[in-house]
Amino acid sequence: MTSTLTSPPETDERPLAGERCDRCSAAAKLRILLTGGDDLVFCGHHANAYAEQLIPIAVDFMVEAEFDWRGSDLMPTASEN
């Protein structure tokens, strides 16, 4: 029997659905990708509380559609890097 690699099925699930804040276990609103490939996940309260500390260590971020993270305005765009 020959093995074939296939892509995982696409889903409509939101990227942070079901994830919990690393600080308090509330529903996740923000994921920060770090340089080494690790990530941090925060609820809305902690995402905004730590926004200024997260910006310098973040490579990229993902925010729930309905959440307005104040760090979004502070994060440099790809063209600024």
N, C-alpha and C. Protein backbone atom coordinates (compact mmCIF):
# COMPACT_ATOMS: atom_id res chain seq x y z
N MET A 1 0.84 -1.18 0.00
CA MET A 1 0.00 0.00 0.00
C MET A 1 0.89 1.25 0.00
N THR A 2 0.56 2.20 -0.82
CA THR A 2 1.32 3.44 -0.94
C THR A 2 0.66 4.54 -0.13
N SER A 3 1.46 5.26 0.67
CA SER A 3 0.93 6.37 1.45
C SER A 3 0.91 7.63 0.60
N THR A 4 -0.10 8.44 0.78
CA THR A 4 -0.23 9.71 0.06
C THR A 4 -0.44 10.82 1.08
N LEU A 5 0.33 11.86 0.94
CA LEU A 5 0.15 13.02 1.82
C LEU A 5 -0.94 13.90 1.28
N THR A 6 -1.86 14.28 2.14
CA THR A 6 -2.93 15.19 1.72
C THR A 6 -3.00 16.34 2.70
N SER A 7 -3.48 17.45 2.23
CA SER A 7 -3.66 18.61 3.09
C SER A 7 -4.80 18.36 4.06
N PRO A 8 -4.73 18.95 5.26
CA PRO A 8 -5.85 18.80 6.19
C PRO A 8 -7.09 19.48 5.62
N PRO A 9 -8.26 19.00 5.97
CA PRO A 9 -9.48 19.62 5.44
C PRO A 9 -9.63 21.05 5.95
N GLU A 10 -10.13 21.91 5.07
CA GLU A 10 -10.38 23.29 5.48
C GLU A 10 -11.64 23.33 6.33
N THR A 11 -11.62 24.17 7.35
CA THR A 11 -12.79 24.31 8.21
C THR A 11 -13.17 25.77 8.30
N ASP A 12 -14.38 26.01 8.75
CA ASP A 12 -14.84 27.37 8.97
C ASP A 12 -14.61 27.81 10.41
N GLU A 13 -13.93 26.98 11.19
CA GLU A 13 -13.70 27.29 12.60
C GLU A 13 -12.81 28.53 12.71
N ARG A 14 -13.16 29.40 13.63
CA ARG A 14 -12.35 30.59 13.86
C ARG A 14 -10.99 30.16 14.43
N PRO A 15 -9.93 30.88 14.12
CA PRO A 15 -8.58 30.48 14.53
C PRO A 15 -8.40 30.32 16.03
N LEU A 16 -9.07 31.09 16.85
CA LEU A 16 -8.88 31.02 18.30
C LEU A 16 -10.04 30.34 19.01
N ALA A 17 -10.99 29.80 18.27
CA ALA A 17 -12.16 29.17 18.88
C ALA A 17 -11.73 28.05 19.82
N GLY A 18 -12.24 28.08 21.03
CA GLY A 18 -11.95 27.04 22.01
C GLY A 18 -10.66 27.22 22.77
N GLU A 19 -9.82 28.17 22.38
CA GLU A 19 -8.56 28.38 23.10
C GLU A 19 -8.80 29.27 24.31
N ARG A 20 -7.89 29.17 25.27
CA ARG A 20 -8.02 29.90 26.53
C ARG A 20 -6.79 30.75 26.80
N CYS A 21 -7.01 31.86 27.48
CA CYS A 21 -5.95 32.79 27.86
C CYS A 21 -4.89 32.06 28.69
N ASP A 22 -3.62 32.31 28.35
CA ASP A 22 -2.51 31.72 29.10
C ASP A 22 -2.42 32.29 30.52
N ARG A 23 -3.04 33.40 30.75
CA ARG A 23 -2.94 34.07 32.06
C ARG A 23 -4.10 33.70 32.99
N CYS A 24 -5.34 33.66 32.46
CA CYS A 24 -6.49 33.47 33.35
C CYS A 24 -7.50 32.42 32.88
N SER A 25 -7.27 31.81 31.76
CA SER A 25 -8.15 30.78 31.19
C SER A 25 -9.49 31.28 30.64
N ALA A 26 -9.63 32.58 30.45
CA ALA A 26 -10.83 33.13 29.79
C ALA A 26 -10.70 32.85 28.28
N ALA A 27 -11.78 33.04 27.55
CA ALA A 27 -11.77 32.80 26.10
C ALA A 27 -10.71 33.66 25.41
N ALA A 28 -9.96 33.07 24.51
CA ALA A 28 -8.87 33.75 23.81
C ALA A 28 -9.40 34.75 22.79
N LYS A 29 -8.74 35.90 22.72
CA LYS A 29 -9.05 36.93 21.73
C LYS A 29 -7.83 37.28 20.89
N LEU A 30 -6.63 36.95 21.37
CA LEU A 30 -5.39 37.33 20.70
C LEU A 30 -4.36 36.21 20.81
N ARG A 31 -3.66 35.94 19.69
CA ARG A 31 -2.51 35.04 19.71
C ARG A 31 -1.32 35.82 19.19
N ILE A 32 -0.23 35.78 19.94
CA ILE A 32 1.02 36.43 19.57
C ILE A 32 2.00 35.34 19.17
N LEU A 33 2.59 35.45 17.98
CA LEU A 33 3.63 34.53 17.55
C LEU A 33 4.98 35.13 17.92
N LEU A 34 5.81 34.33 18.60
CA LEU A 34 7.12 34.77 19.05
C LEU A 34 8.20 34.34 18.06
N THR A 35 9.36 34.95 18.15
CA THR A 35 10.46 34.69 17.23
C THR A 35 10.80 33.22 17.09
N GLY A 36 10.86 32.48 18.17
CA GLY A 36 11.24 31.08 18.14
C GLY A 36 10.17 30.14 17.64
N GLY A 37 8.99 30.68 17.30
CA GLY A 37 7.90 29.86 16.81
C GLY A 37 6.85 29.54 17.85
N ASP A 38 7.13 29.84 19.12
CA ASP A 38 6.13 29.64 20.16
C ASP A 38 5.07 30.72 20.06
N ASP A 39 3.98 30.56 20.80
CA ASP A 39 2.96 31.60 20.82
C ASP A 39 2.41 31.79 22.22
N LEU A 40 1.79 32.92 22.40
CA LEU A 40 1.08 33.27 23.63
C LEU A 40 -0.35 33.60 23.25
N VAL A 41 -1.29 33.21 24.10
CA VAL A 41 -2.71 33.44 23.84
C VAL A 41 -3.30 34.20 25.02
N PHE A 42 -4.06 35.26 24.72
CA PHE A 42 -4.62 36.09 25.78
C PHE A 42 -6.09 36.40 25.55
N CYS A 43 -6.81 36.60 26.64
CA CYS A 43 -8.17 37.11 26.60
C CYS A 43 -8.09 38.60 26.26
N GLY A 44 -9.21 39.23 26.04
CA GLY A 44 -9.23 40.64 25.69
C GLY A 44 -8.63 41.53 26.78
N HIS A 45 -8.96 41.24 28.03
CA HIS A 45 -8.46 42.04 29.15
C HIS A 45 -6.93 42.00 29.21
N HIS A 46 -6.36 40.79 29.21
CA HIS A 46 -4.91 40.67 29.32
C HIS A 46 -4.20 41.10 28.04
N ALA A 47 -4.81 40.91 26.89
CA ALA A 47 -4.21 41.36 25.63
C ALA A 47 -4.00 42.87 25.66
N ASN A 48 -5.00 43.61 26.12
CA ASN A 48 -4.88 45.06 26.18
C ASN A 48 -4.01 45.51 27.35
N ALA A 49 -4.06 44.80 28.46
CA ALA A 49 -3.25 45.16 29.62
C ALA A 49 -1.76 45.03 29.31
N TYR A 50 -1.38 44.03 28.52
CA TYR A 50 0.03 43.76 28.22
C TYR A 50 0.45 44.19 26.82
N ALA A 51 -0.37 44.94 26.12
CA ALA A 51 -0.09 45.30 24.72
C ALA A 51 1.30 45.89 24.53
N GLU A 52 1.68 46.83 25.34
CA GLU A 52 2.98 47.50 25.16
C GLU A 52 4.15 46.54 25.40
N GLN A 53 3.98 45.56 26.28
CA GLN A 53 5.04 44.58 26.53
C GLN A 53 5.08 43.50 25.45
N LEU A 54 3.95 43.24 24.79
CA LEU A 54 3.88 42.20 23.78
C LEU A 54 4.46 42.63 22.44
N ILE A 55 4.31 43.90 22.09
CA ILE A 55 4.76 44.40 20.79
C ILE A 55 6.24 44.09 20.52
N PRO A 56 7.15 44.35 21.45
CA PRO A 56 8.58 44.10 21.14
C PRO A 56 8.94 42.63 20.95
N ILE A 57 8.15 41.71 21.49
CA ILE A 57 8.50 40.29 21.39
C ILE A 57 7.70 39.56 20.31
N ALA A 58 6.75 40.25 19.68
CA ALA A 58 5.87 39.62 18.70
C ALA A 58 6.45 39.67 17.30
N VAL A 59 6.33 38.56 16.59
CA VAL A 59 6.68 38.50 15.18
C VAL A 59 5.43 38.73 14.34
N ASP A 60 4.31 38.19 14.82
CA ASP A 60 3.03 38.31 14.14
C ASP A 60 1.94 38.13 15.19
N PHE A 61 0.71 38.45 14.82
CA PHE A 61 -0.40 38.27 15.75
C PHE A 61 -1.68 37.96 15.01
N MET A 62 -2.62 37.35 15.72
CA MET A 62 -3.94 37.02 15.19
C MET A 62 -4.96 37.49 16.22
N VAL A 63 -5.96 38.24 15.77
CA VAL A 63 -6.97 38.80 16.66
C VAL A 63 -8.35 38.32 16.21
N GLU A 64 -9.19 37.98 17.17
CA GLU A 64 -10.58 37.63 16.85
C GLU A 64 -11.22 38.82 16.12
N ALA A 65 -12.07 38.54 15.17
CA ALA A 65 -12.66 39.57 14.32
C ALA A 65 -13.38 40.66 15.11
N GLU A 66 -14.09 40.29 16.16
CA GLU A 66 -14.88 41.27 16.90
C GLU A 66 -14.08 42.00 17.98
N PHE A 67 -12.81 41.63 18.16
CA PHE A 67 -11.99 42.21 19.23
C PHE A 67 -11.10 43.31 18.68
N ASP A 68 -11.10 44.47 19.36
CA ASP A 68 -10.27 45.60 18.97
C ASP A 68 -9.07 45.67 19.91
N TRP A 69 -7.95 45.05 19.51
CA TRP A 69 -6.75 45.04 20.34
C TRP A 69 -6.00 46.34 20.17
N ARG A 70 -5.69 47.01 21.27
CA ARG A 70 -5.02 48.30 21.16
C ARG A 70 -3.59 48.18 20.65
N GLY A 71 -3.01 46.99 20.70
CA GLY A 71 -1.67 46.77 20.16
C GLY A 71 -1.63 46.74 18.65
N SER A 72 -2.78 46.56 18.01
CA SER A 72 -2.83 46.54 16.54
C SER A 72 -2.28 47.83 15.95
N ASP A 73 -2.54 48.94 16.60
CA ASP A 73 -2.07 50.24 16.12
C ASP A 73 -0.58 50.43 16.40
N LEU A 74 -0.04 49.73 17.40
CA LEU A 74 1.35 49.89 17.78
C LEU A 74 2.27 48.92 17.03
N MET A 75 1.70 47.86 16.48
CA MET A 75 2.48 46.82 15.81
C MET A 75 2.94 47.33 14.46
N PRO A 76 4.26 47.23 14.16
CA PRO A 76 4.73 47.67 12.84
C PRO A 76 4.17 46.78 11.74
N THR A 77 3.89 47.37 10.59
CA THR A 77 3.42 46.60 9.46
C THR A 77 4.62 45.96 8.77
N ALA A 78 4.38 45.01 7.90
CA ALA A 78 5.45 44.32 7.18
C ALA A 78 6.35 45.31 6.42
N SER A 79 5.76 46.38 5.91
CA SER A 79 6.55 47.34 5.14
C SER A 79 7.46 48.17 6.03
N GLU A 80 7.18 48.23 7.33
CA GLU A 80 8.01 49.01 8.25
C GLU A 80 9.17 48.20 8.79
N ASN A 81 9.14 46.87 8.63
CA ASN A 81 10.21 46.01 9.16
C ASN A 81 11.42 46.01 8.28
